């Protein structure tokens, strides 16, 4: 079972006082969502990079345990879904290019 709320909001440094001593560039899903709303990402790769950083921060800070297992599970899901998206985009571009060539 995934720990409730993990990754949803910034780490509460009043409860985890040494977090910023270990993690120099924190990120969470709420911040990523804000960045998406503000159009701060140019590509899906930019978003994926932020999510990867979030998961790596979790591994770095926690080392082992349920949080790291959760990060690993999310990493596998992200990688799998990213591959599907990239394959779909490649098919879309191939169709677009073929239609463009026919119309040229």
PDB file of N, CA and C in Angstrom:
ATOM      1  N   UNK A   1       0.837  -1.179   0.000  1.00  0.00           N
ATOM      2  CA  UNK A   1       0.000   0.000   0.000  1.00  0.00           C
ATOM      3  C   UNK A   1       0.882   1.244   0.000  1.00  0.00           C
ATOM      4  N   UNK A   2       0.509   2.235  -0.797  1.00  0.00           N
ATOM      5  CA  UNK A   2       1.288   3.467  -0.895  1.00  0.00           C
ATOM      6  C   UNK A   2       0.961   4.366   0.294  1.00  0.00           C
ATOM      7  N   UNK A   3       2.016   4.915   0.939  1.00  0.00           N
ATOM      8  CA  UNK A   3       1.758   5.852   2.034  1.00  0.00           C
ATOM      9  C   UNK A   3       0.944   7.047   1.538  1.00  0.00           C
ATOM     10  N   UNK A   4      -0.125   7.363   2.270  1.00  0.00           N
ATOM     11  CA  UNK A   4      -1.004   8.458   1.855  1.00  0.00           C
ATOM     12  C   UNK A   4      -0.261   9.784   1.854  1.00  0.00           C
ATOM     13  N   UNK A   5      -0.456  10.534   0.802  1.00  0.00           N
ATOM     14  CA  UNK A   5       0.099  11.871   0.724  1.00  0.00           C
ATOM     15  C   UNK A   5       1.545  11.968   0.285  1.00  0.00           C
ATOM     16  N   UNK A   6       2.219  10.840   0.157  1.00  0.00           N
ATOM     17  CA  UNK A   6       3.618  10.873  -0.248  1.00  0.00           C
ATOM     18  C   UNK A   6       3.750  11.559  -1.597  1.00  0.00           C
ATOM     19  N   UNK A   7       4.622  12.541  -1.673  1.00  0.00           N
ATOM     20  CA  UNK A   7       4.943  13.292  -2.890  1.00  0.00           C
ATOM     21  C   UNK A   7       3.929  14.384  -3.248  1.00  0.00           C
ATOM     22  N   UNK A   8       2.777  14.433  -2.575  1.00  0.00           N
ATOM     23  CA  UNK A   8       1.741  15.374  -2.981  1.00  0.00           C
ATOM     24  C   UNK A   8       2.079  16.825  -2.669  1.00  0.00           C
ATOM     25  N   UNK A   9       2.729  17.054  -1.559  1.00  0.00           N
ATOM     26  CA  UNK A   9       3.055  18.407  -1.092  1.00  0.00           C
ATOM     27  C   UNK A   9       4.537  18.470  -0.732  1.00  0.00           C
ATOM     28  N   UNK A  10       5.080  19.680  -0.602  1.00  0.00           N
ATOM     29  CA  UNK A  10       6.482  19.779  -0.165  1.00  0.00           C
ATOM     30  C   UNK A  10       6.692  19.095   1.184  1.00  0.00           C
ATOM     31  N   UNK A  11       7.887  18.557   1.376  1.00  0.00           N
ATOM     32  CA  UNK A  11       8.231  17.963   2.664  1.00  0.00           C
ATOM     33  C   UNK A  11       8.134  19.056   3.723  1.00  0.00           C
ATOM     34  N   UNK A  12       7.482  18.742   4.827  1.00  0.00           N
ATOM     35  CA  UNK A  12       7.318  19.696   5.923  1.00  0.00           C
ATOM     36  C   UNK A  12       8.608  19.721   6.743  1.00  0.00           C
ATOM     37  N   UNK A  13       9.406  20.764   6.541  1.00  0.00           N
ATOM     38  CA  UNK A  13      10.710  20.805   7.213  1.00  0.00           C
ATOM     39  C   UNK A  13      10.597  21.101   8.705  1.00  0.00           C
ATOM     40  N   UNK A  14       9.406  21.449   9.169  1.00  0.00           N
ATOM     41  CA  UNK A  14       9.235  21.554  10.625  1.00  0.00           C
ATOM     42  C   UNK A  14       9.158  20.166  11.254  1.00  0.00           C
ATOM     43  N   UNK A  15       8.761  19.175  10.444  1.00  0.00           N
ATOM     44  CA  UNK A  15       8.701  17.795  10.928  1.00  0.00           C
ATOM     45  C   UNK A  15       9.928  16.990  10.519  1.00  0.00           C
ATOM     46  N   UNK A  16      10.562  17.390   9.446  1.00  0.00           N
ATOM     47  CA  UNK A  16      11.748  16.691   8.930  1.00  0.00           C
ATOM     48  C   UNK A  16      12.851  17.745   8.844  1.00  0.00           C
ATOM     49  N   UNK A  17      13.398  18.085   9.992  1.00  0.00           N
ATOM     50  CA  UNK A  17      14.265  19.270  10.095  1.00  0.00           C
ATOM     51  C   UNK A  17      15.573  19.171   9.320  1.00  0.00           C
ATOM     52  N   UNK A  18      16.059  17.966   9.046  1.00  0.00           N
ATOM     53  CA  UNK A  18      17.327  17.834   8.327  1.00  0.00           C
ATOM     54  C   UNK A  18      17.156  17.625   6.823  1.00  0.00           C
ATOM     55  N   UNK A  19      15.924  17.684   6.338  1.00  0.00           N
ATOM     56  CA  UNK A  19      15.665  17.381   4.933  1.00  0.00           C
ATOM     57  C   UNK A  19      16.496  18.250   3.996  1.00  0.00           C
ATOM     58  N   UNK A  20      16.519  19.549   4.245  1.00  0.00           N
ATOM     59  CA  UNK A  20      17.253  20.452   3.354  1.00  0.00           C
ATOM     60  C   UNK A  20      18.765  20.347   3.530  1.00  0.00           C
ATOM     61  N   UNK A  21      19.219  19.697   4.580  1.00  0.00           N
ATOM     62  CA  UNK A  21      20.645  19.402   4.720  1.00  0.00           C
ATOM     63  C   UNK A  21      21.057  18.288   3.765  1.00  0.00           C
ATOM     64  N   UNK A  22      20.115  17.431   3.441  1.00  0.00           N
ATOM     65  CA  UNK A  22      20.377  16.269   2.585  1.00  0.00           C
ATOM     66  C   UNK A  22      19.957  16.538   1.139  1.00  0.00           C
ATOM     67  N   UNK A  23      18.828  17.202   0.966  1.00  0.00           N
ATOM     68  CA  UNK A  23      18.249  17.437  -0.369  1.00  0.00           C
ATOM     69  C   UNK A  23      18.361  18.927  -0.698  1.00  0.00           C
ATOM     70  N   UNK A  24      19.174  19.243  -1.694  1.00  0.00           N
ATOM     71  CA  UNK A  24      19.421  20.647  -2.037  1.00  0.00           C
ATOM     72  C   UNK A  24      18.393  21.220  -3.008  1.00  0.00           C
ATOM     73  N   UNK A  25      17.659  20.356  -3.716  1.00  0.00           N
ATOM     74  CA  UNK A  25      16.728  20.831  -4.739  1.00  0.00           C
ATOM     75  C   UNK A  25      15.407  20.071  -4.619  1.00  0.00           C
ATOM     76  N   UNK A  26      14.622  20.372  -3.579  1.00  0.00           N
ATOM     77  CA  UNK A  26      13.379  19.620  -3.367  1.00  0.00           C
ATOM     78  C   UNK A  26      12.324  19.923  -4.431  1.00  0.00           C
ATOM     79  N   UNK A  27      11.451  18.962  -4.641  1.00  0.00           N
ATOM     80  CA  UNK A  27      10.348  19.105  -5.593  1.00  0.00           C
ATOM     81  C   UNK A  27       9.240  18.157  -5.150  1.00  0.00           C
ATOM     82  N   UNK A  28       8.010  18.474  -5.498  1.00  0.00           N
ATOM     83  CA  UNK A  28       6.849  17.656  -5.129  1.00  0.00           C
ATOM     84  C   UNK A  28       5.792  17.827  -6.214  1.00  0.00           C
ATOM     85  N   UNK A  29       4.741  17.026  -6.136  1.00  0.00           N
ATOM     86  CA  UNK A  29       3.728  17.057  -7.188  1.00  0.00           C
ATOM     87  C   UNK A  29       2.944  18.374  -7.213  1.00  0.00           C
ATOM     88  N   UNK A  30       2.701  18.997  -6.062  1.00  0.00           N
ATOM     89  CA  UNK A  30       1.997  20.285  -6.052  1.00  0.00           C
ATOM     90  C   UNK A  30       2.819  21.343  -6.780  1.00  0.00           C
ATOM     91  N   UNK A  31       4.116  21.352  -6.565  1.00  0.00           N
ATOM     92  CA  UNK A  31       4.986  22.308  -7.242  1.00  0.00           C
ATOM     93  C   UNK A  31       5.034  22.022  -8.742  1.00  0.00           C
ATOM     94  N   UNK A  32       5.115  20.754  -9.098  1.00  0.00           N
ATOM     95  CA  UNK A  32       5.102  20.377 -10.517  1.00  0.00           C
ATOM     96  C   UNK A  32       3.794  20.827 -11.164  1.00  0.00           C
ATOM     97  N   UNK A  33       2.688  20.634 -10.454  1.00  0.00           N
ATOM     98  CA  UNK A  33       1.393  21.069 -10.976  1.00  0.00           C
ATOM     99  C   UNK A  33       1.365  22.589 -11.181  1.00  0.00           C
ATOM    100  N   UNK A  34       1.915  23.342 -10.236  1.00  0.00           N
ATOM    101  CA  UNK A  34       2.007  24.801 -10.384  1.00  0.00           C
ATOM    102  C   UNK A  34       2.844  25.175 -11.608  1.00  0.00           C
ATOM    103  N   UNK A  35       3.965  24.480 -11.769  1.00  0.00           N
ATOM    104  CA  UNK A  35       4.833  24.755 -12.920  1.00  0.00           C
ATOM    105  C   UNK A  35       4.117  24.446 -14.238  1.00  0.00           C
ATOM    106  N   UNK A  36       3.324  23.377 -14.243  1.00  0.00           N
ATOM    107  CA  UNK A  36       2.539  23.059 -15.434  1.00  0.00           C
ATOM    108  C   UNK A  36       1.537  24.171 -15.734  1.00  0.00           C
ATOM    109  N   UNK A  37       0.837  24.627 -14.712  1.00  0.00           N
ATOM    110  CA  UNK A  37      -0.155  25.689 -14.886  1.00  0.00           C
ATOM    111  C   UNK A  37       0.490  26.987 -15.369  1.00  0.00           C
ATOM    112  N   UNK A  38       1.727  27.220 -14.947  1.00  0.00           N
ATOM    113  CA  UNK A  38       2.459  28.432 -15.335  1.00  0.00           C
ATOM    114  C   UNK A  38       3.262  28.256 -16.621  1.00  0.00           C
ATOM    115  N   UNK A  39       3.077  27.112 -17.294  1.00  0.00           N
ATOM    116  CA  UNK A  39       3.779  26.822 -18.553  1.00  0.00           C
ATOM    117  C   UNK A  39       5.296  26.913 -18.414  1.00  0.00           C
ATOM    118  N   UNK A  40       5.827  26.415 -17.302  1.00  0.00           N
ATOM    119  CA  UNK A  40       7.273  26.463 -17.078  1.00  0.00           C
ATOM    120  C   UNK A  40       8.010  25.295 -17.736  1.00  0.00           C
ATOM    121  N   UNK A  41       7.264  24.317 -18.228  1.00  0.00           N
ATOM    122  CA  UNK A  41       7.876  23.174 -18.893  1.00  0.00           C
ATOM    123  C   UNK A  41       7.660  23.314 -20.396  1.00  0.00           C
ATOM    124  N   UNK A  42       8.707  23.067 -21.154  1.00  0.00           N
ATOM    125  CA  UNK A  42       8.579  23.150 -22.616  1.00  0.00           C
ATOM    126  C   UNK A  42       8.201  21.815 -23.227  1.00  0.00           C
ATOM    127  N   UNK A  43       8.621  20.725 -22.580  1.00  0.00           N
ATOM    128  CA  UNK A  43       8.396  19.397 -23.151  1.00  0.00           C
ATOM    129  C   UNK A  43       7.985  18.419 -22.057  1.00  0.00           C
ATOM    130  N   UNK A  44       7.466  17.286 -22.501  1.00  0.00           N
ATOM    131  CA  UNK A  44       7.165  16.211 -21.562  1.00  0.00           C
ATOM    132  C   UNK A  44       8.442  15.751 -20.867  1.00  0.00           C
ATOM    133  N   UNK A  45       9.548  15.774 -21.569  1.00  0.00           N
ATOM    134  CA  UNK A  45      10.828  15.376 -20.968  1.00  0.00           C
ATOM    135  C   UNK A  45      11.176  16.261 -19.771  1.00  0.00           C
ATOM    136  N   UNK A  46      10.821  17.544 -19.837  1.00  0.00           N
ATOM    137  CA  UNK A  46      11.060  18.447 -18.708  1.00  0.00           C
ATOM    138  C   UNK A  46      10.247  18.024 -17.486  1.00  0.00           C
ATOM    139  N   UNK A  47       8.987  17.679 -17.707  1.00  0.00           N
ATOM    140  CA  UNK A  47       8.121  17.227 -16.614  1.00  0.00           C
ATOM    141  C   UNK A  47       8.656  15.922 -16.041  1.00  0.00           C
ATOM    142  N   UNK A  48       8.988  15.007 -16.932  1.00  0.00           N
ATOM    143  CA  UNK A  48       9.504  13.704 -16.496  1.00  0.00           C
ATOM    144  C   UNK A  48      10.783  13.879 -15.679  1.00  0.00           C
ATOM    145  N   UNK A  49      11.624  14.795 -16.080  1.00  0.00           N
ATOM    146  CA  UNK A  49      12.864  15.054 -15.349  1.00  0.00           C
ATOM    147  C   UNK A  49      12.573  15.514 -13.913  1.00  0.00           C
ATOM    148  N   UNK A  50      11.569  16.382 -13.767  1.00  0.00           N
ATOM    149  CA  UNK A  50      11.190  16.850 -12.426  1.00  0.00           C
ATOM    150  C   UNK A  50      10.659  15.701 -11.573  1.00  0.00           C
ATOM    151  N   UNK A  51       9.831  14.851 -12.166  1.00  0.00           N
ATOM    152  CA  UNK A  51       9.301  13.709 -11.417  1.00  0.00           C
ATOM    153  C   UNK A  51      10.437  12.768 -11.037  1.00  0.00           C
ATOM    154  N   UNK A  52      11.359  12.533 -11.972  1.00  0.00           N
ATOM    155  CA  UNK A  52      12.519  11.694 -11.655  1.00  0.00           C
ATOM    156  C   UNK A  52      13.330  12.281 -10.499  1.00  0.00           C
ATOM    157  N   UNK A  53      13.488  13.608 -10.483  1.00  0.00           N
ATOM    158  CA  UNK A  53      14.219  14.267  -9.391  1.00  0.00           C
ATOM    159  C   UNK A  53      13.492  14.060  -8.064  1.00  0.00           C
ATOM    160  N   UNK A  54      12.179  14.173  -8.083  1.00  0.00           N
ATOM    161  CA  UNK A  54      11.384  13.960  -6.881  1.00  0.00           C
ATOM    162  C   UNK A  54      11.596  12.545  -6.327  1.00  0.00           C
ATOM    163  N   UNK A  55      11.560  11.566  -7.220  1.00  0.00           N
ATOM    164  CA  UNK A  55      11.744  10.177  -6.802  1.00  0.00           C
ATOM    165  C   UNK A  55      13.166   9.929  -6.319  1.00  0.00           C
ATOM    166  N   UNK A  56      14.140  10.519  -6.988  1.00  0.00           N
ATOM    167  CA  UNK A  56      15.534  10.366  -6.570  1.00  0.00           C
ATOM    168  C   UNK A  56      15.776  11.049  -5.226  1.00  0.00           C
ATOM    169  N   UNK A  57      15.151  12.197  -5.004  1.00  0.00           N
ATOM    170  CA  UNK A  57      15.252  12.848  -3.698  1.00  0.00           C
ATOM    171  C   UNK A  57      14.751  11.922  -2.594  1.00  0.00           C
ATOM    172  N   UNK A  58      13.654  11.239  -2.866  1.00  0.00           N
ATOM    173  CA  UNK A  58      13.099  10.291  -1.894  1.00  0.00           C
ATOM    174  C   UNK A  58      14.091   9.187  -1.593  1.00  0.00           C
ATOM    175  N   UNK A  59      14.684   8.634  -2.630  1.00  0.00           N
ATOM    176  CA  UNK A  59      15.666   7.548  -2.430  1.00  0.00           C
ATOM    177  C   UNK A  59      16.881   8.059  -1.662  1.00  0.00           C
ATOM    178  N   UNK A  60      17.350   9.249  -2.019  1.00  0.00           N
ATOM    179  CA  UNK A  60      18.540   9.812  -1.373  1.00  0.00           C
ATOM    180  C   UNK A  60      18.285  10.049   0.108  1.00  0.00           C
ATOM    181  N   UNK A  61      17.159  10.643   0.434  1.00  0.00           N
ATOM    182  CA  UNK A  61      16.882  10.976   1.827  1.00  0.00           C
ATOM    183  C   UNK A  61      16.574   9.737   2.664  1.00  0.00           C
ATOM    184  N   UNK A  62      15.775   8.823   2.123  1.00  0.00           N
ATOM    185  CA  UNK A  62      15.278   7.701   2.918  1.00  0.00           C
ATOM    186  C   UNK A  62      16.143   6.451   2.871  1.00  0.00           C
ATOM    187  N   UNK A  63      16.877   6.260   1.791  1.00  0.00           N
ATOM    188  CA  UNK A  63      17.760   5.095   1.704  1.00  0.00           C
ATOM    189  C   UNK A  63      17.041   3.793   1.421  1.00  0.00           C
ATOM    190  N   UNK A  64      16.202   3.358   2.336  1.00  0.00           N
ATOM    191  CA  UNK A  64      15.450   2.110   2.194  1.00  0.00           C
ATOM    192  C   UNK A  64      14.080   2.289   2.846  1.00  0.00           C
ATOM    193  N   UNK A  65      13.250   1.279   2.693  1.00  0.00           N
ATOM    194  CA  UNK A  65      11.957   1.301   3.375  1.00  0.00           C
ATOM    195  C   UNK A  65      10.790   1.550   2.442  1.00  0.00           C
ATOM    196  N   UNK A  66       9.624   1.751   3.039  1.00  0.00           N
ATOM    197  CA  UNK A  66       8.377   1.853   2.291  1.00  0.00           C
ATOM    198  C   UNK A  66       8.365   3.060   1.353  1.00  0.00           C
ATOM    199  N   UNK A  67       8.965   4.171   1.768  1.00  0.00           N
ATOM    200  CA  UNK A  67       8.981   5.341   0.886  1.00  0.00           C
ATOM    201  C   UNK A  67       9.797   5.070  -0.377  1.00  0.00           C
ATOM    202  N   UNK A  68      10.915   4.407  -0.216  1.00  0.00           N
ATOM    203  CA  UNK A  68      11.759   4.084  -1.371  1.00  0.00           C
ATOM    204  C   UNK A  68      11.067   3.038  -2.246  1.00  0.00           C
ATOM    205  N   UNK A  69      10.412   2.073  -1.639  1.00  0.00           N
ATOM    206  CA  UNK A  69       9.666   1.089  -2.427  1.00  0.00           C
ATOM    207  C   UNK A  69       8.564   1.769  -3.225  1.00  0.00           C
ATOM    208  N   UNK A  70       7.924   2.751  -2.617  1.00  0.00           N
ATOM    209  CA  UNK A  70       6.888   3.503  -3.315  1.00  0.00           C
ATOM    210  C   UNK A  70       7.494   4.295  -4.471  1.00  0.00           C
ATOM    211  N   UNK A  71       8.626   4.944  -4.223  1.00  0.00           N
ATOM    212  CA  UNK A  71       9.310   5.684  -5.289  1.00  0.00           C
ATOM    213  C   UNK A  71       9.678   4.752  -6.436  1.00  0.00           C
ATOM    214  N   UNK A  72      10.182   3.571  -6.110  1.00  0.00           N
ATOM    215  CA  UNK A  72      10.553   2.601  -7.150  1.00  0.00           C
ATOM    216  C   UNK A  72       9.337   2.148  -7.952  1.00  0.00           C
ATOM    217  N   UNK A  73       8.210   1.933  -7.278  1.00  0.00           N
ATOM    218  CA  UNK A  73       6.979   1.541  -7.964  1.00  0.00           C
ATOM    219  C   UNK A  73       6.511   2.645  -8.899  1.00  0.00           C
ATOM    220  N   UNK A  74       6.543   3.882  -8.415  1.00  0.00           N
ATOM    221  CA  UNK A  74       6.154   5.005  -9.255  1.00  0.00           C
ATOM    222  C   UNK A  74       7.114   5.189 -10.427  1.00  0.00           C
ATOM    223  N   UNK A  75       8.400   4.930 -10.193  1.00  0.00           N
ATOM    224  CA  UNK A  75       9.393   5.046 -11.267  1.00  0.00           C
ATOM    225  C   UNK A  75       9.093   4.048 -12.379  1.00  0.00           C
ATOM    226  N   UNK A  76       8.781   2.821 -12.000  1.00  0.00           N
ATOM    227  CA  UNK A  76       8.451   1.809 -13.006  1.00  0.00           C
ATOM    228  C   UNK A  76       7.201   2.220 -13.799  1.00  0.00           C
ATOM    229  N   UNK A  77       6.196   2.742 -13.106  1.00  0.00           N
ATOM    230  CA  UNK A  77       4.975   3.175 -13.786  1.00  0.00           C
ATOM    231  C   UNK A  77       5.264   4.349 -14.716  1.00  0.00           C
ATOM    232  N   UNK A  78       6.040   5.315 -14.243  1.00  0.00           N
ATOM    233  CA  UNK A  78       6.403   6.463 -15.073  1.00  0.00           C
ATOM    234  C   UNK A  78       7.155   6.014 -16.314  1.00  0.00           C
ATOM    235  N   UNK A  79       8.122   5.138 -16.142  1.00  0.00           N
ATOM    236  CA  UNK A  79       8.908   4.654 -17.283  1.00  0.00           C
ATOM    237  C   UNK A  79       8.027   3.921 -18.288  1.00  0.00           C
ATOM    238  N   UNK A  80       7.130   3.080 -17.783  1.00  0.00           N
ATOM    239  CA  UNK A  80       6.242   2.321 -18.660  1.00  0.00           C
ATOM    240  C   UNK A  80       5.290   3.239 -19.419  1.00  0.00           C
ATOM    241  N   UNK A  81       4.655   4.149 -18.720  1.00  0.00           N
ATOM    242  CA  UNK A  81       3.702   5.056 -19.368  1.00  0.00           C
ATOM    243  C   UNK A  81       4.419   6.028 -20.300  1.00  0.00           C
ATOM    244  N   UNK A  82       5.632   6.435 -19.945  1.00  0.00           N
ATOM    245  CA  UNK A  82       6.411   7.326 -20.817  1.00  0.00           C
ATOM    246  C   UNK A  82       6.730   6.645 -22.136  1.00  0.00           C
ATOM    247  N   UNK A  83       7.117   5.369 -22.056  1.00  0.00           N
ATOM    248  CA  UNK A  83       7.399   4.628 -23.288  1.00  0.00           C
ATOM    249  C   UNK A  83       6.159   4.574 -24.179  1.00  0.00           C
ATOM    250  N   UNK A  84       4.992   4.319 -23.568  1.00  0.00           N
ATOM    251  CA  UNK A  84       3.748   4.267 -24.340  1.00  0.00           C
ATOM    252  C   UNK A  84       3.462   5.610 -25.001  1.00  0.00           C
ATOM    253  N   UNK A  85       3.644   6.684 -24.258  1.00  0.00           N
ATOM    254  CA  UNK A  85       3.407   8.020 -24.805  1.00  0.00           C
ATOM    255  C   UNK A  85       4.380   8.322 -25.941  1.00  0.00           C
ATOM    256  N   UNK A  86       5.645   7.994 -25.737  1.00  0.00           N
ATOM    257  CA  UNK A  86       6.645   8.252 -26.772  1.00  0.00           C
ATOM    258  C   UNK A  86       6.361   7.438 -28.026  1.00  0.00           C
ATOM    259  N   UNK A  87       5.907   6.181 -27.867  1.00  0.00           N
ATOM    260  CA  UNK A  87       5.549   5.357 -29.022  1.00  0.00           C
ATOM    261  C   UNK A  87       4.341   5.939 -29.747  1.00  0.00           C
ATOM    262  N   UNK A  88       3.347   6.406 -28.993  1.00  0.00           N
ATOM    263  CA  UNK A  88       2.157   6.999 -29.612  1.00  0.00           C
ATOM    264  C   UNK A  88       2.529   8.282 -30.360  1.00  0.00           C
ATOM    265  N   UNK A  89       3.390   9.084 -29.768  1.00  0.00           N
ATOM    266  CA  UNK A  89       3.830  10.310 -30.440  1.00  0.00           C
ATOM    267  C   UNK A  89       4.617   9.996 -31.712  1.00  0.00           C
ATOM    268  N   UNK A  90       5.430   8.964 -31.667  1.00  0.00           N
ATOM    269  CA  UNK A  90       6.195   8.568 -32.856  1.00  0.00           C
ATOM    270  C   UNK A  90       5.240   8.128 -33.969  1.00  0.00           C
ATOM    271  N   UNK A  91       4.191   7.371 -33.608  1.00  0.00           N
ATOM    272  CA  UNK A  91       3.201   6.959 -34.616  1.00  0.00           C
ATOM    273  C   UNK A  91       2.471   8.176 -35.179  1.00  0.00           C
ATOM    274  N   UNK A  92       2.101   9.107 -34.300  1.00  0.00           N
ATOM    275  CA  UNK A  92       1.435  10.329 -34.744  1.00  0.00           C
ATOM    276  C   UNK A  92       2.313  11.098 -35.727  1.00  0.00           C
ATOM    277  N   UNK A  93       3.588  11.265 -35.389  1.00  0.00           N
ATOM    278  CA  UNK A  93       4.492  12.006 -36.268  1.00  0.00           C
ATOM    279  C   UNK A  93       4.685  11.290 -37.601  1.00  0.00           C
ATOM    280  N   UNK A  94       4.732   9.961 -37.569  1.00  0.00           N
ATOM    281  CA  UNK A  94       4.873   9.209 -38.817  1.00  0.00           C
ATOM    282  C   UNK A  94       3.652   9.417 -39.715  1.00  0.00           C
ATOM    283  N   UNK A  95       2.468   9.390 -39.130  1.00  0.00           N
ATOM    284  CA  UNK A  95       1.240   9.611 -39.903  1.00  0.00           C
ATOM    285  C   UNK A  95       1.206  11.043 -40.432  1.00  0.00           C
ATOM    286  N   UNK A  96       1.539  11.985 -39.570  1.00  0.00           N
ATOM    287  CA  UNK A  96       1.565  13.398 -39.980  1.00  0.00           C
ATOM    288  C   UNK A  96       2.538  13.604 -41.135  1.00  0.00           C
ATOM    289  N   UNK A  97       3.746  13.055 -40.994  1.00  0.00           N
ATOM    290  CA  UNK A  97       4.751  13.214 -42.047  1.00  0.00           C
ATOM    291  C   UNK A  97       4.301  12.578 -43.359  1.00  0.00           C
ATOM    292  N   UNK A  98       3.667  11.391 -43.265  1.00  0.00           N
ATOM    293  CA  UNK A  98       3.196  10.723 -44.471  1.00  0.00           C
ATOM    294  C   UNK A  98       2.103  11.550 -45.150  1.00  0.00           C
ATOM    295  N   UNK A  99       1.186  12.107 -44.378  1.00  0.00           N
ATOM    296  CA  UNK A  99       0.133  12.946 -44.966  1.00  0.00           C
ATOM    297  C   UNK A  99       0.721  14.212 -45.553  1.00  0.00           C
ATOM    298  N   UNK A 100       1.673  14.785 -44.871  1.00  0.00           N
ATOM    299  CA  UNK A 100       2.325  15.997 -45.369  1.00  0.00           C
ATOM    300  C   UNK A 100       3.010  15.719 -46.705  1.00  0.00           C
ATOM    301  N   UNK A 101       3.675  14.568 -46.796  1.00  0.00           N
ATOM    302  CA  UNK A 101       4.367  14.197 -48.040  1.00  0.00           C
ATOM    303  C   UNK A 101       3.362  14.005 -49.182  1.00  0.00           C
ATOM    304  N   UNK A 102       2.194  13.430 -48.873  1.00  0.00           N
ATOM    305  CA  UNK A 102       1.176  13.222 -49.902  1.00  0.00           C
ATOM    306  C   UNK A 102       0.603  14.545 -50.416  1.00  0.00           C
ATOM    307  N   UNK A 103       0.508  15.516 -49.546  1.00  0.00           N
ATOM    308  CA  UNK A 103      -0.061  16.812 -49.915  1.00  0.00           C
ATOM    309  C   UNK A 103       0.953  17.751 -50.552  1.00  0.00           C
ATOM    310  N   UNK A 104       2.208  17.411 -50.468  1.00  0.00           N
ATOM    311  CA  UNK A 104       3.256  18.290 -51.023  1.00  0.00           C
ATOM    312  C   UNK A 104       3.489  18.054 -52.482  1.00  0.00           C
TER     313      UNK A 104
END
